[in-house]
Each structure stands twice: as structure tokens, then as C-alpha cells.
Amino acid sequence: MTTLDLPTRRSTRVAGVDIAGTEWPLYKLEALAVGFLILVALLVVTGTAQTAVLTAAAVSTVTWWVRLAYYRRTSP
């Protein structure tokens, strides 16, 4: 008989902010803020929603993953 031993996930606490009784990790709020700023800036510069929305979504996603990796690496 063989067994499969999957590695367990490390549970690391990251900095969070309490919003309406729910703790939001800081990296998520940072990604949303950066995405919103990019969205508004591109809407003003280009005037097209398509470019602004797609670019803001891409920047938010990259910010989300990069900040998550940063917080996981620096947390004790």
C-alpha cells in the first residue's frame, strides 16, 4: 500500500486592517489602491475604458502576488 503525503501549507500571519469586522490583509488593500490609481490615471490619459480596465487589472494582480510574496518572506 502506498500513501501520498502532501506538504502542508505554512500558515503565516500578515499585517491586516479591520474593515467592518473583517480583517483584510494589507497586500490586498495595497493591490486595490494601486489598481484604482492606475485605472483613474489611464482613464484621464487615454480616455478609453478598455485599456484602463485591462491594464489596472493586470497591475493589481501583479501587485497582489508580489506583495504577498514579500509579506510571507519577511514575516517571522
Protein backbone atom coordinates (compact mmCIF):
# COMPACT_ATOMS: atom_id res chain seq x y z
CA MET A 1 0.00 0.00 0.00
CA THR A 2 1.30 3.48 -0.84
CA THR A 3 0.36 6.78 0.65
CA LEU A 4 0.54 10.29 -0.62
CA ASP A 5 1.97 12.78 1.80
CA LEU A 6 1.21 16.29 0.59
CA PRO A 7 3.25 19.12 2.01
CA THR A 8 1.27 21.27 4.40
CA ARG A 9 0.91 24.96 3.84
CA ARG A 10 2.72 27.31 6.12
CA SER A 11 0.28 29.49 7.93
CA THR A 12 1.87 32.88 8.20
CA ARG A 13 0.17 35.93 9.57
CA VAL A 14 0.46 39.05 7.51
CA ALA A 15 -0.37 42.58 8.56
CA GLY A 16 -4.07 43.30 8.33
CA VAL A 17 -6.65 46.05 8.64
CA ASP A 18 -10.05 45.58 10.27
CA ILE A 19 -12.82 46.73 7.92
CA ALA A 20 -16.40 46.27 9.15
CA GLY A 21 -15.42 43.41 11.43
CA THR A 22 -13.39 41.53 8.83
CA GLU A 23 -9.61 41.56 8.78
CA TRP A 24 -8.26 42.32 5.30
CA PRO A 25 -4.61 41.51 4.60
CA LEU A 26 -2.62 44.61 3.82
CA TYR A 27 -1.36 43.27 0.48
CA LYS A 28 -4.93 43.04 -0.83
CA LEU A 29 -5.70 46.62 0.09
CA GLU A 30 -2.45 47.78 -1.47
CA ALA A 31 -3.27 45.96 -4.72
CA LEU A 32 -6.74 47.52 -4.83
CA ALA A 33 -5.36 51.00 -4.21
CA VAL A 34 -2.67 50.67 -6.88
CA GLY A 35 -5.20 49.27 -9.35
CA PHE A 36 -7.63 52.12 -8.70
CA LEU A 37 -4.93 54.76 -9.15
CA ILE A 38 -3.81 53.18 -12.42
CA LEU A 39 -7.42 52.96 -13.60
CA VAL A 40 -8.11 56.63 -12.94
CA ALA A 41 -4.79 57.78 -14.41
CA LEU A 42 -5.27 55.78 -17.62
CA LEU A 43 -8.86 56.91 -17.99
CA VAL A 44 -7.67 60.52 -17.86
CA VAL A 45 -4.71 59.98 -20.18
CA THR A 46 -6.19 57.65 -22.80
CA GLY A 47 -9.91 58.28 -22.48
CA THR A 48 -10.71 54.63 -23.23
CA ALA A 49 -12.11 52.35 -20.58
CA GLN A 50 -10.88 49.16 -22.28
CA THR A 51 -7.21 50.00 -21.95
CA ALA A 52 -7.63 51.41 -18.46
CA VAL A 53 -9.54 48.43 -17.07
CA LEU A 54 -7.30 45.74 -18.56
CA THR A 55 -4.10 47.47 -17.50
CA ALA A 56 -5.40 48.20 -14.00
CA ALA A 57 -6.46 44.56 -13.59
CA ALA A 58 -3.03 43.34 -14.68
CA VAL A 59 -1.21 45.77 -12.40
CA SER A 60 -3.46 44.85 -9.46
CA THR A 61 -2.82 41.15 -9.97
CA VAL A 62 0.93 41.59 -10.17
CA THR A 63 0.92 43.86 -7.11
CA TRP A 64 -1.19 41.33 -5.18
CA TRP A 65 1.21 38.42 -5.80
CA VAL A 66 4.41 40.41 -5.36
CA ARG A 67 3.29 41.95 -2.06
CA LEU A 68 2.01 38.58 -0.80
CA ALA A 69 5.41 37.02 -1.53
CA TYR A 70 7.13 39.94 0.19
CA TYR A 71 5.00 39.68 3.34
CA ARG A 72 5.42 35.92 3.52
CA ARG A 73 9.19 36.23 3.20
CA THR A 74 9.53 38.98 5.81
CA SER A 75 7.05 37.63 8.39
CA PRO A 76 8.55 35.89 11.41
